[in-house]
Amino acid sequence: MGLFKEENFKVVVSPELKLIKEFAKLIKRDRSKDHNRSTKELAYIYFVEDDKSPYSMYSENERSLRVIESLGLINWTEDKEVKQARQVYRELSQTPTIMALKTLKEGLMTSSNVINAVTVDINNKISTLDADDEDYEDTIDSLTKRVEKLISLSDKLPKAVESLTMLEDKAKKEVSSDSKIRGGGAVGQFET
């Protein structure tokens, strides 16, 4: 989607953005001279919603918190207008490939969180093991099965990451593909 692009870690807004009412509301309500608030709110929308955002690797909630902190949005909460603008941006930027990509990224992050939680739990149980306990053998067997599951999952993760990388490449091609028209121009995003 061509409404935002990132240059030198700053979000640049295209002039067309001001024509979409949900974004225009954010700009219009910011009466400050430098439009600092609306600039940060538009950057927030980009960093939280766009799949090319450097924050796209995080879950939605964590991504939002990190972006708020990075942009210095002190005592700021997402209001109705920002939510509406986010929804419009999400709708305008979705393709089937991008939707699948977002779902797979969330799943991969969940897998990573599960692996971390299981690893911490196994380590905690190991640190409390006592060879004199009557459950010692059962506990060792249980821990061994959990470790085997982790190893099995670790065999599958590289394939998932590879699939995710291929899907990301396809999404990038979808977003950046421009059709040439007579006279050497390019077909715009909303033209067919």
Protein backbone atom coordinates (compact mmCIF):
# COMPACT_ATOMS: atom_id res chain seq x y z
CA MET A 1 0.00 0.00 0.00
CA GLY A 2 1.42 3.38 -0.94
CA LEU A 3 -0.03 5.61 1.79
CA PHE A 4 3.00 5.34 4.05
CA LYS A 5 6.63 4.58 3.47
CA GLU A 6 9.58 4.51 5.78
CA GLU A 7 12.68 6.56 5.07
CA ASN A 8 15.56 6.83 7.54
CA PHE A 9 13.39 5.47 10.38
CA LYS A 10 10.76 8.15 9.77
CA VAL A 11 7.30 7.53 8.40
CA VAL A 12 6.59 9.57 5.28
CA VAL A 13 2.93 10.17 4.46
CA SER A 14 1.75 10.33 0.86
CA PRO A 15 -0.48 13.26 -0.18
CA GLU A 16 -3.27 10.80 -1.07
CA LEU A 17 -3.58 9.89 2.60
CA LYS A 18 -5.20 13.26 3.33
CA LEU A 19 -8.04 12.33 0.97
CA ILE A 20 -9.15 9.39 3.11
CA LYS A 21 -11.50 10.74 5.75
CA GLU A 22 -10.28 8.62 8.67
CA PHE A 23 -6.70 9.86 8.21
CA ALA A 24 -7.81 13.41 7.40
CA LYS A 25 -9.61 13.54 10.77
CA LEU A 26 -6.37 12.80 12.61
CA ILE A 27 -4.53 15.54 10.73
CA LYS A 28 -7.35 18.08 10.98
CA ARG A 29 -7.86 17.69 14.74
CA ASP A 30 -4.16 18.39 15.39
CA ARG A 31 -4.12 22.19 15.50
CA SER A 32 -0.48 22.44 16.54
CA LYS A 33 1.91 24.26 14.24
CA ASP A 34 4.14 21.25 13.54
CA HIS A 35 1.37 18.61 13.54
CA ASN A 36 3.53 16.54 15.89
CA ARG A 37 0.61 14.60 17.40
CA SER A 38 -0.93 13.57 14.08
CA THR A 39 2.50 12.69 12.70
CA LYS A 40 3.10 10.38 15.65
CA GLU A 41 -0.41 8.89 15.40
CA LEU A 42 0.06 8.17 11.69
CA ALA A 43 3.48 6.68 12.42
CA TYR A 44 1.83 4.57 15.13
CA ILE A 45 -0.68 3.24 12.60
CA TYR A 46 2.06 2.40 10.13
CA PHE A 47 4.38 0.72 12.65
CA VAL A 48 1.54 -1.32 14.19
CA GLU A 49 -0.28 -2.31 11.01
CA ASP A 50 2.20 -2.56 8.14
CA ASP A 51 3.91 -5.87 7.46
CA LYS A 52 7.10 -4.00 6.48
CA SER A 53 7.29 -2.35 9.90
CA PRO A 54 10.35 -3.22 11.97
CA TYR A 55 7.89 -4.11 14.75
CA SER A 56 6.01 -6.68 12.65
CA MET A 57 7.79 -9.56 14.38
CA TYR A 58 5.98 -8.91 17.68
CA SER A 59 2.48 -9.95 18.69
CA GLU A 60 -0.12 -7.21 18.17
CA ASN A 61 -0.31 -6.20 21.83
CA GLU A 62 3.46 -6.13 22.34
CA ARG A 63 3.92 -4.34 19.02
CA SER A 64 1.51 -1.61 20.10
CA LEU A 65 3.25 -1.12 23.45
CA ARG A 66 6.71 -0.97 21.88
CA VAL A 67 5.62 1.53 19.21
CA ILE A 68 3.95 3.78 21.79
CA GLU A 69 7.16 3.78 23.82
CA SER A 70 9.43 4.32 20.79
CA LEU A 71 7.38 7.23 19.49
CA GLY A 72 7.32 8.87 22.91
CA LEU A 73 3.54 8.93 23.08
CA ILE A 74 3.45 9.75 26.78
CA ASN A 75 0.05 9.44 28.51
CA TRP A 76 -1.47 8.55 25.15
CA THR A 77 -4.06 5.92 24.46
CA GLU A 78 -5.52 4.88 21.17
CA ASP A 79 -8.85 6.65 20.75
CA LYS A 80 -11.81 5.97 18.46
CA GLU A 81 -10.38 7.98 15.53
CA VAL A 82 -7.02 6.20 15.63
CA LYS A 83 -8.76 2.83 15.83
CA GLN A 84 -10.89 3.71 12.81
CA ALA A 85 -7.85 4.85 10.84
CA ARG A 86 -6.02 1.63 11.78
CA GLN A 87 -8.98 -0.42 10.58
CA VAL A 88 -9.07 1.43 7.26
CA TYR A 89 -5.31 0.99 6.81
CA ARG A 90 -5.61 -2.71 7.63
CA GLU A 91 -8.41 -3.14 5.09
CA LEU A 92 -6.60 -1.22 2.35
CA SER A 93 -3.33 -3.07 2.82
CA GLN A 94 -4.66 -6.63 3.00
CA THR A 95 -4.09 -9.17 0.29
CA PRO A 96 -4.63 -12.90 0.80
CA THR A 97 -0.86 -13.37 0.95
CA ILE A 98 -0.37 -10.63 3.56
CA MET A 99 -3.23 -12.00 5.68
CA ALA A 100 -1.67 -15.48 5.60
CA LEU A 101 1.73 -14.00 6.37
CA LYS A 102 0.45 -12.15 9.45
CA THR A 103 -1.29 -15.28 10.72
CA LEU A 104 1.82 -17.40 10.25
CA LYS A 105 4.04 -14.81 11.97
CA GLU A 106 1.68 -14.76 14.96
CA GLY A 107 1.76 -18.58 15.04
CA LEU A 108 5.55 -18.62 14.91
CA MET A 109 5.74 -16.11 17.78
CA THR A 110 3.31 -18.27 19.77
CA SER A 111 5.49 -21.33 19.10
CA SER A 112 8.52 -19.44 20.32
CA ASN A 113 6.69 -18.38 23.50
CA VAL A 114 5.59 -21.98 24.14
CA ILE A 115 9.14 -23.27 23.65
CA ASN A 116 10.45 -20.67 26.09
CA ALA A 117 7.80 -21.47 28.70
CA VAL A 118 8.36 -25.24 28.43
CA THR A 119 12.14 -24.79 28.62
CA VAL A 120 11.84 -22.65 31.76
CA ASP A 121 9.47 -25.20 33.31
CA ILE A 122 11.82 -28.12 32.51
CA ASN A 123 14.78 -26.24 33.98
CA ASN A 124 12.80 -25.45 37.14
CA LYS A 125 11.81 -29.09 37.57
CA ILE A 126 15.39 -30.25 37.00
CA SER A 127 16.67 -27.85 39.65
CA THR A 128 14.26 -29.33 42.22
CA LEU A 129 14.89 -33.00 41.37
CA ASP A 130 15.87 -35.22 44.24
CA ALA A 131 17.15 -38.74 43.49
CA ASP A 132 15.73 -39.95 46.79
CA ASP A 133 12.11 -39.04 45.86
CA GLU A 134 9.89 -42.00 45.07
CA ASP A 135 8.59 -40.16 41.92
CA TYR A 136 12.13 -39.58 40.65
CA GLU A 137 11.93 -42.07 37.75
CA ASP A 138 8.46 -40.88 36.70
CA THR A 139 9.62 -37.27 36.77
CA ILE A 140 12.69 -38.11 34.65
CA ASP A 141 10.48 -39.98 32.15
CA SER A 142 8.06 -37.03 31.97
CA LEU A 143 10.89 -34.54 31.47
CA THR A 144 12.47 -36.73 28.80
CA LYS A 145 9.19 -36.86 26.84
CA ARG A 146 8.91 -33.07 27.03
CA VAL A 147 12.47 -32.62 25.80
CA GLU A 148 11.75 -35.04 22.92
CA LYS A 149 8.72 -32.93 21.96
CA LEU A 150 10.88 -29.81 21.99
CA ILE A 151 13.44 -31.51 19.73
CA SER A 152 10.67 -32.62 17.39
CA LEU A 153 9.34 -29.06 17.25
CA SER A 154 12.82 -27.69 16.61
CA ASP A 155 13.04 -29.94 13.54
CA LYS A 156 9.82 -28.41 12.16
CA LEU A 157 10.60 -24.75 12.88
CA PRO A 158 13.24 -24.23 10.16
CA LYS A 159 10.73 -25.44 7.56
CA ALA A 160 8.12 -23.03 8.93
CA VAL A 161 10.62 -20.16 8.85
CA GLU A 162 11.57 -21.04 5.27
CA SER A 163 7.89 -21.06 4.25
CA LEU A 164 7.40 -17.76 6.02
CA THR A 165 10.37 -16.23 4.20
CA MET A 166 9.01 -17.37 0.83
CA LEU A 167 5.60 -15.94 1.69
CA GLU A 168 7.21 -12.63 2.74
CA ASP A 169 9.00 -12.46 -0.61
CA LYS A 170 5.72 -13.08 -2.42
CA ALA A 171 3.97 -10.38 -0.36
CA LYS A 172 6.75 -7.89 -1.14
CA LYS A 173 6.39 -8.63 -4.86
CA GLU A 174 2.62 -8.15 -4.63
CA VAL A 175 2.98 -4.79 -2.92
CA SER A 176 5.77 -3.48 -5.13
CA SER A 177 4.57 -4.77 -8.48
CA ASP A 178 3.72 -1.89 -10.74
CA SER A 179 2.13 -2.33 -14.13
CA LYS A 180 3.51 -0.16 -16.89
CA ILE A 181 1.11 1.89 -18.98
CA ARG A 182 1.45 3.73 -22.26
CA GLY A 183 3.87 6.64 -21.99
CA GLY A 184 6.11 4.92 -19.44
CA GLY A 185 3.97 5.66 -16.37
CA ALA A 186 2.83 3.18 -13.79
CA VAL A 187 -0.69 2.15 -12.84
CA GLY A 188 -1.58 3.62 -9.46
CA GLN A 189 -2.74 1.59 -6.51
CA PHE A 190 -6.46 2.25 -7.03
CA GLU A 191 -6.40 2.12 -10.84
CA THR A 192 -7.11 -0.97 -12.91
